[in-house]
C-alpha atoms as a PDB file:
ATOM      1  CA  MET A   1    -164.036 118.454 -90.977  1.00  0.00           C
ATOM      2  CA  PRO A   2    -166.636 119.675 -93.503  1.00  0.00           C
ATOM      3  CA  ALA A   3    -170.263 119.792 -92.452  1.00  0.00           C
ATOM      4  CA  THR A   4    -172.218 116.686 -93.325  1.00  0.00           C
ATOM      5  CA  ALA A   5    -174.834 118.748 -95.153  1.00  0.00           C
ATOM      6  CA  GLN A   6    -172.282 119.451 -97.882  1.00  0.00           C
ATOM      7  CA  HIS A   7    -172.141 115.782 -98.890  1.00  0.00           C
ATOM      8  CA  PRO A   8    -174.772 114.040-101.052  1.00  0.00           C
ATOM      9  CA  ALA A   9    -173.909 110.727 -99.366  1.00  0.00           C
ATOM     10  CA  LEU A  10    -171.710 109.355 -96.614  1.00  0.00           C
ATOM     11  CA  GLY A  11    -170.114 105.943 -96.320  1.00  0.00           C
ATOM     12  CA  PHE A  12    -168.992 104.320 -93.082  1.00  0.00           C
ATOM     13  CA  LEU A  13    -166.711 101.284 -93.036  1.00  0.00           C
ATOM     14  CA  GLU A  14    -165.393  99.514 -89.954  1.00  0.00           C
ATOM     15  CA  THR A  15    -162.401  97.240 -90.414  1.00  0.00           C
ATOM     16  CA  PRO A  16    -159.793  95.753 -88.068  1.00  0.00           C
ATOM     17  CA  PHE A  17    -156.299  97.188 -87.676  1.00  0.00           C
ATOM     18  CA  ILE A  18    -154.528 100.081 -89.372  1.00  0.00           C
ATOM     19  CA  SER A  19    -152.929  97.816 -91.960  1.00  0.00           C
ATOM     20  CA  ILE A  20    -156.244  96.422 -93.230  1.00  0.00           C
ATOM     21  CA  THR A  21    -157.933  99.817 -92.985  1.00  0.00           C
ATOM     22  CA  ALA A  22    -155.202 101.315 -95.164  1.00  0.00           C
ATOM     23  CA  LEU A  23    -155.860  98.716 -97.866  1.00  0.00           C
ATOM     24  CA  ALA A  24    -159.589  99.423 -97.675  1.00  0.00           C
ATOM     25  CA  CYS A  25    -159.174 103.192 -97.925  1.00  0.00           C
ATOM     26  CA  ASP A  26    -156.759 102.986-100.833  1.00  0.00           C
ATOM     27  CA  ALA A  27    -159.136 100.692-102.741  1.00  0.00           C
ATOM     28  CA  ALA A  28    -162.105 102.926-101.987  1.00  0.00           C
ATOM     29  CA  LEU A  29    -160.351 106.089-103.134  1.00  0.00           C
ATOM     30  CA  LYS A  30    -159.199 104.474-106.371  1.00  0.00           C
ATOM     31  CA  ALA A  31    -162.683 103.110-107.126  1.00  0.00           C
ATOM     32  CA  GLY A  32    -164.819 106.231-106.861  1.00  0.00           C
ATOM     33  CA  ASN A  33    -164.741 110.011-106.940  1.00  0.00           C
ATOM     34  CA  ILE A  34    -164.977 110.325-103.171  1.00  0.00           C
ATOM     35  CA  ARG A  35    -163.301 112.100-100.297  1.00  0.00           C
ATOM     36  CA  LEU A  36    -161.750 110.369 -97.310  1.00  0.00           C
ATOM     37  CA  LEU A  37    -162.955 112.416 -94.331  1.00  0.00           C
ATOM     38  CA  GLY A  38    -160.843 110.577 -91.791  1.00  0.00           C
ATOM     39  CA  LEU A  39    -160.355 107.512 -89.624  1.00  0.00           C
ATOM     40  CA  GLU A  40    -161.529 106.950 -86.068  1.00  0.00           C
ATOM     41  CA  PRO A  41    -160.258 104.114 -83.842  1.00  0.00           C
ATOM     42  CA  VAL A  42    -163.188 102.799 -81.843  1.00  0.00           C
ATOM     43  CA  GLY A  43    -161.269 101.547 -78.805  1.00  0.00           C
ATOM     44  CA  THR A  44    -160.366  97.985 -79.789  1.00  0.00           C
ATOM     45  CA  GLU A  45    -158.643  96.892 -82.975  1.00  0.00           C
ATOM     46  CA  VAL A  46    -161.485  98.270 -85.106  1.00  0.00           C
ATOM     47  CA  ILE A  47    -161.198 101.530 -87.057  1.00  0.00           C
ATOM     48  CA  LEU A  48    -164.024 103.497 -88.672  1.00  0.00           C
ATOM     49  CA  SER A  49    -163.336 105.043 -92.101  1.00  0.00           C
ATOM     50  CA  ARG A  50    -165.588 107.875 -93.305  1.00  0.00           C
ATOM     51  CA  PHE A  51    -166.127 108.666 -96.995  1.00  0.00           C
ATOM     52  CA  ALA A  52    -168.185 111.317 -98.776  1.00  0.00           C
ATOM     53  CA  GLY A  53    -169.375 111.775-102.355  1.00  0.00           C
ATOM     54  CA  SER A  54    -172.301 111.005-104.592  1.00  0.00           C
ATOM     55  CA  THR A  55    -174.438 108.000-103.698  1.00  0.00           C
ATOM     56  CA  ALA A  56    -173.148 106.015-106.676  1.00  0.00           C
ATOM     57  CA  ASP A  57    -169.503 106.851-105.994  1.00  0.00           C
ATOM     58  CA  VAL A  58    -169.705 106.052-102.295  1.00  0.00           C
ATOM     59  CA  GLU A  59    -171.489 102.783-103.071  1.00  0.00           C
ATOM     60  CA  ALA A  60    -168.750 101.816-105.549  1.00  0.00           C
ATOM     61  CA  ALA A  61    -166.046 102.816-103.082  1.00  0.00           C
ATOM     62  CA  LEU A  62    -167.519 100.733-100.268  1.00  0.00           C
ATOM     63  CA  ALA A  63    -167.849  97.711-102.556  1.00  0.00           C
ATOM     64  CA  ALA A  64    -164.220  98.012-103.675  1.00  0.00           C
ATOM     65  CA  ALA A  65    -163.035  98.442-100.094  1.00  0.00           C
ATOM     66  CA  GLU A  66    -164.949  95.401 -98.877  1.00  0.00           C
ATOM     67  CA  GLN A  67    -163.555  93.284-101.709  1.00  0.00           C
ATOM     68  CA  ARG A  68    -160.000  94.393-100.921  1.00  0.00           C
ATOM     69  CA  VAL A  69    -160.408  93.573 -97.250  1.00  0.00           C
ATOM     70  CA  LEU A  70    -161.764  90.105 -98.017  1.00  0.00           C
ATOM     71  CA  SER A  71    -159.002  89.426-100.536  1.00  0.00           C
ATOM     72  CA  ALA A  72    -156.457  90.235 -97.813  1.00  0.00           C
ATOM     73  CA  GLY A  73    -157.986  87.484 -95.680  1.00  0.00           C
ATOM     74  CA  SER A  74    -159.592  89.861 -93.202  1.00  0.00           C
ATOM     75  CA  ARG A  75    -163.165  90.867 -92.454  1.00  0.00           C
ATOM     76  CA  VAL A  76    -165.493  93.828 -92.639  1.00  0.00           C
ATOM     77  CA  VAL A  77    -167.016  94.600 -89.255  1.00  0.00           C
ATOM     78  CA  ALA A  78    -169.682  96.944 -90.624  1.00  0.00           C
ATOM     79  CA  ALA A  79    -170.410  98.970 -93.768  1.00  0.00           C
ATOM     80  CA  ARG A  80    -173.153 101.484 -94.389  1.00  0.00           C
ATOM     81  CA  LEU A  81    -174.130 103.970 -97.080  1.00  0.00           C
ATOM     82  CA  ILE A  82    -176.195 106.962 -95.954  1.00  0.00           C
ATOM     83  CA  PRO A  83    -177.761 108.922 -98.829  1.00  0.00           C
ATOM     84  CA  ARG A  84    -178.894 112.457 -98.070  1.00  0.00           C
ATOM     85  CA  PRO A  85    -177.488 112.508 -94.511  1.00  0.00           C
ATOM     86  CA  ALA A  86    -179.239 114.677 -91.943  1.00  0.00           C
ATOM     87  CA  ASP A  87    -177.932 118.222 -91.842  1.00  0.00           C
ATOM     88  CA  THR A  88    -176.665 117.903 -88.280  1.00  0.00           C
ATOM     89  CA  LEU A  89    -175.208 114.397 -88.451  1.00  0.00           C
ATOM     90  CA  ASP A  90    -171.751 115.962 -88.477  1.00  0.00           C
ATOM     91  CA  ARG A  91    -172.200 116.697 -84.753  1.00  0.00           C
ATOM     92  CA  ALA A  92    -171.759 112.957 -84.141  1.00  0.00           C
ATOM     93  CA  THR A  93    -168.576 112.722 -86.217  1.00  0.00           C
ATOM     94  CA  ASP A  94    -166.901 116.119 -86.029  1.00  0.00           C
ATOM     95  CA  ALA A  95    -164.762 116.845 -82.972  1.00  0.00           C
ATOM     96  CA  PRO A  96    -161.433 118.491 -82.167  1.00  0.00           C
ATOM     97  CA  ASN A  97    -158.548 116.076 -82.471  1.00  0.00           C
ATOM     98  CA  SER A  98    -156.541 115.002 -79.446  1.00  0.00           C
ATOM     99  CA  ILE A  99    -154.126 112.367 -78.217  1.00  0.00           C
ATOM    100  CA  ASN A 100    -155.719 109.522 -76.310  1.00  0.00           C
ATOM    101  CA  PRO A 101    -154.210 109.588 -72.799  1.00  0.00           C
ATOM    102  CA  LEU A 102    -154.480 105.811 -72.386  1.00  0.00           C
ATOM    103  CA  TYR A 103    -152.427 104.644 -75.369  1.00  0.00           C
ATOM    104  CA  GLY A 104    -150.882 107.799 -76.837  1.00  0.00           C
ATOM    105  CA  GLY A 105    -152.477 107.579 -80.291  1.00  0.00           C
ATOM    106  CA  ARG A 106    -154.528 110.104 -82.227  1.00  0.00           C
ATOM    107  CA  GLU A 107    -158.246 110.038 -81.453  1.00  0.00           C
ATOM    108  CA  TYR A 108    -158.887 110.692 -85.158  1.00  0.00           C
ATOM    109  CA  LEU A 109    -156.669 110.441 -88.246  1.00  0.00           C
ATOM    110  CA  LEU A 110    -157.650 113.449 -90.317  1.00  0.00           C
ATOM    111  CA  PRO A 111    -156.343 114.983 -93.556  1.00  0.00           C
ATOM    112  CA  THR A 112    -156.058 118.308 -91.717  1.00  0.00           C
ATOM    113  CA  ASP A 113    -153.640 117.005 -89.059  1.00  0.00           C
ATOM    114  CA  TYR A 114    -150.516 117.893 -91.060  1.00  0.00           C
ATOM    115  CA  PRO A 115    -151.306 121.044 -93.048  1.00  0.00           C
ATOM    116  CA  ASN A 116    -147.651 121.655 -93.962  1.00  0.00           C
ATOM    117  CA  ARG A 117    -146.872 118.102 -95.027  1.00  0.00           C
ATOM    118  CA  ASN A 118    -144.811 117.514 -98.140  1.00  0.00           C
ATOM    119  CA  THR A 119    -145.718 115.249-101.060  1.00  0.00           C
ATOM    120  CA  THR A 120    -142.519 113.223-101.321  1.00  0.00           C
ATOM    121  CA  MET A 121    -144.396 109.960-100.715  1.00  0.00           C
ATOM    122  CA  LYS A 122    -146.709 110.039-103.692  1.00  0.00           C
ATOM    123  CA  HIS A 123    -144.188 108.402-106.024  1.00  0.00           C
ATOM    124  CA  HIS A 124    -143.305 105.676-103.516  1.00  0.00           C
ATOM    125  CA  ALA A 125    -144.886 102.548-102.163  1.00  0.00           C
ATOM    126  CA  ILE A 126    -145.747 102.459 -98.493  1.00  0.00           C
ATOM    127  CA  GLY A 127    -145.437  99.512 -96.182  1.00  0.00           C
ATOM    128  CA  ILE A 128    -147.317  98.963 -92.941  1.00  0.00           C
ATOM    129  CA  LEU A 129    -146.046  96.546 -90.322  1.00  0.00           C
ATOM    130  CA  GLU A 130    -148.465  96.063 -87.439  1.00  0.00           C
ATOM    131  CA  THR A 131    -147.927  94.194 -84.213  1.00  0.00           C
ATOM    132  CA  GLN A 132    -149.440  93.785 -80.811  1.00  0.00           C
ATOM    133  CA  GLY A 133    -146.604  94.862 -78.576  1.00  0.00           C
ATOM    134  CA  LEU A 134    -144.420  97.967 -78.588  1.00  0.00           C
ATOM    135  CA  THR A 135    -141.064  96.252 -78.043  1.00  0.00           C
ATOM    136  CA  ALA A 136    -141.806  93.965 -80.966  1.00  0.00           C
ATOM    137  CA  ILE A 137    -142.570  96.827 -83.360  1.00  0.00           C
ATOM    138  CA  LEU A 138    -139.503  98.837 -82.340  1.00  0.00           C
ATOM    139  CA  HIS A 139    -137.233  95.829 -82.804  1.00  0.00           C
ATOM    140  CA  ALA A 140    -138.889  95.095 -86.140  1.00  0.00           C
ATOM    141  CA  THR A 141    -138.520  98.720 -87.241  1.00  0.00           C
ATOM    142  CA  ASP A 142    -134.786  98.608 -86.607  1.00  0.00           C
ATOM    143  CA  ALA A 143    -134.600  95.458 -88.722  1.00  0.00           C
ATOM    144  CA  MET A 144    -136.605  97.060 -91.550  1.00  0.00           C
ATOM    145  CA  LEU A 145    -134.478 100.198 -91.700  1.00  0.00           C
ATOM    146  CA  LYS A 146    -131.285  98.126 -91.788  1.00  0.00           C
ATOM    147  CA  ALA A 147    -132.584  95.642 -94.367  1.00  0.00           C
ATOM    148  CA  ALA A 148    -133.505  97.958 -97.253  1.00  0.00           C
ATOM    149  CA  ASP A 149    -133.444 101.515 -98.545  1.00  0.00           C
ATOM    150  CA  VAL A 150    -136.665 102.663 -96.901  1.00  0.00           C
ATOM    151  CA  SER A 151    -137.630 105.695 -94.826  1.00  0.00           C
ATOM    152  CA  LEU A 152    -139.670 105.794 -91.661  1.00  0.00           C
ATOM    153  CA  VAL A 153    -142.947 107.676 -92.112  1.00  0.00           C
ATOM    154  CA  GLY A 154    -144.392 107.336 -88.640  1.00  0.00           C
ATOM    155  CA  LYS A 155    -146.024 105.263 -85.945  1.00  0.00           C
ATOM    156  CA  GLU A 156    -149.727 104.932 -85.157  1.00  0.00           C
ATOM    157  CA  LYS A 157    -151.423 103.373 -82.118  1.00  0.00           C
ATOM    158  CA  ILE A 158    -155.073 102.328 -81.848  1.00  0.00           C
ATOM    159  CA  GLY A 159    -155.160 100.896 -78.329  1.00  0.00           C
ATOM    160  CA  ALA A 160    -154.995  97.349 -76.918  1.00  0.00           C
ATOM    161  CA  ALA A 161    -151.204  97.442 -77.592  1.00  0.00           C
ATOM    162  CA  TYR A 162    -151.737  97.488 -81.372  1.00  0.00           C
ATOM    163  CA  VAL A 163    -149.017  99.538 -83.040  1.00  0.00           C
ATOM    164  CA  ALA A 164    -148.289 100.114 -86.726  1.00  0.00           C
ATOM    165  CA  ILE A 165    -145.093 101.414 -88.287  1.00  0.00           C
ATOM    166  CA  ILE A 166    -145.333 102.963 -91.749  1.00  0.00           C
ATOM    167  CA  ILE A 167    -142.361 103.060 -94.124  1.00  0.00           C
ATOM    168  CA  ARG A 168    -141.874 104.256 -97.683  1.00  0.00           C
ATOM    169  CA  GLY A 169    -139.605 103.405-100.605  1.00  0.00           C
ATOM    170  CA  ASP A 170    -139.817 101.605-103.908  1.00  0.00           C
ATOM    171  CA  VAL A 171    -141.899  98.449-103.999  1.00  0.00           C
ATOM    172  CA  ALA A 172    -138.965  96.022-103.885  1.00  0.00           C
ATOM    173  CA  ALA A 173    -137.345  97.831-100.971  1.00  0.00           C
ATOM    174  CA  VAL A 174    -140.577  98.003 -99.001  1.00  0.00           C
ATOM    175  CA  GLU A 175    -141.235  94.310 -99.570  1.00  0.00           C
ATOM    176  CA  ALA A 176    -137.716  93.386 -98.425  1.00  0.00           C
ATOM    177  CA  ALA A 177    -138.018  95.590 -95.350  1.00  0.00           C
ATOM    178  CA  LEU A 178    -141.385  94.114 -94.364  1.00  0.00           C
ATOM    179  CA  GLN A 179    -140.011  90.615 -94.744  1.00  0.00           C
ATOM    180  CA  ALA A 180    -137.135  91.452 -92.413  1.00  0.00           C
ATOM    181  CA  GLY A 181    -139.425  93.225 -89.970  1.00  0.00           C
ATOM    182  CA  SER A 182    -141.893  90.353 -89.866  1.00  0.00           C
ATOM    183  CA  ALA A 183    -139.109  87.898 -89.094  1.00  0.00           C
ATOM    184  CA  ALA A 184    -137.771  90.162 -86.345  1.00  0.00           C
ATOM    185  CA  VAL A 185    -141.032  90.229 -84.414  1.00  0.00           C
ATOM    186  CA  GLY A 186    -140.449  86.659 -83.264  1.00  0.00           C
ATOM    187  CA  ALA A 187    -141.578  85.934 -79.729  1.00  0.00           C
ATOM    188  CA  LEU A 188    -141.481  89.600 -78.701  1.00  0.00           C
ATOM    189  CA  GLY A 189    -145.082  90.194 -79.728  1.00  0.00           C
ATOM    190  CA  LYS A 190    -147.836  89.205 -82.117  1.00  0.00           C
ATOM    191  CA  LEU A 191    -147.448  89.969 -85.809  1.00  0.00           C
ATOM    192  CA  ILE A 192    -150.772  91.326 -87.060  1.00  0.00           C
ATOM    193  CA  ALA A 193    -149.998  92.154 -90.690  1.00  0.00           C
ATOM    194  CA  ALA A 194    -147.370  93.329 -93.140  1.00  0.00           C
ATOM    195  CA  GLN A 195    -148.940  95.116 -96.110  1.00  0.00           C
ATOM    196  CA  VAL A 196    -147.552  96.887 -99.168  1.00  0.00           C
ATOM    197  CA  ILE A 197    -149.523  99.560-101.017  1.00  0.00           C
ATOM    198  CA  ALA A 198    -148.039 100.462-104.381  1.00  0.00           C
ATOM    199  CA  ARG A 199    -148.842 103.945-105.669  1.00  0.00           C
ATOM    200  CA  PRO A 200    -151.017 104.821-102.658  1.00  0.00           C
ATOM    201  CA  HIS A 201    -153.778 107.336-103.268  1.00  0.00           C
ATOM    202  CA  GLU A 202    -152.799 110.898-102.370  1.00  0.00           C
ATOM    203  CA  ASP A 203    -155.865 111.383-100.155  1.00  0.00           C
ATOM    204  CA  PHE A 204    -154.750 108.497 -97.957  1.00  0.00           C
ATOM    205  CA  LEU A 205    -151.202 109.855 -97.822  1.00  0.00           C
ATOM    206  CA  ALA A 206    -152.664 113.093 -96.444  1.00  0.00           C
ATOM    207  CA  LEU A 207    -153.469 111.245 -93.207  1.00  0.00           C
ATOM    208  CA  LEU A 208    -149.821 110.333 -92.628  1.00  0.00           C
ATOM    209  CA  PRO A 209    -147.196 112.447 -90.868  1.00  0.00           C
ATOM    210  CA  LYS A 210    -144.941 113.189 -93.840  1.00  0.00           C
END
């Protein structure tokens, strides 16, 4: 991750769940000329998003992200703009990536995790189905892949049995798949969210497996 000293301002945003965090990041990236430095699960359902850019751009991005989260019926846990961050602040945010041994998810979601990734997703919508319970999400994934012409992008875990499956396809197909997946969760687990992002920002796509 780039050194903090390279950035005029940093923005930190904590939101619950991968699905809501994805909406926030997409809104932030589309609102300002910023960079998404990465995501960091904090050990519960909360995820920290880190942005960098000019003070004005980061401020606009955070405002857009907060509005998107609220419009989705969720909440912002914390948001903070840091202008002129200390030169060594990156020591608190920059660390080698690893897989958490407790729940098997990435400790950080970084744009450098998949350096050879392709760009086939940028003309598609993505869908995120999130549950609490692994059996529930696997059963729901089978239902989604059978219900519509969508492709499986990957699976992300953030602890506390929260699991998200990401799919891609055209908007109608993704919506149909999420509807089928949501219905399939049933009593197997807890449905957290089913979100569609049309024309997702390329910088957010860089965090995903393929």
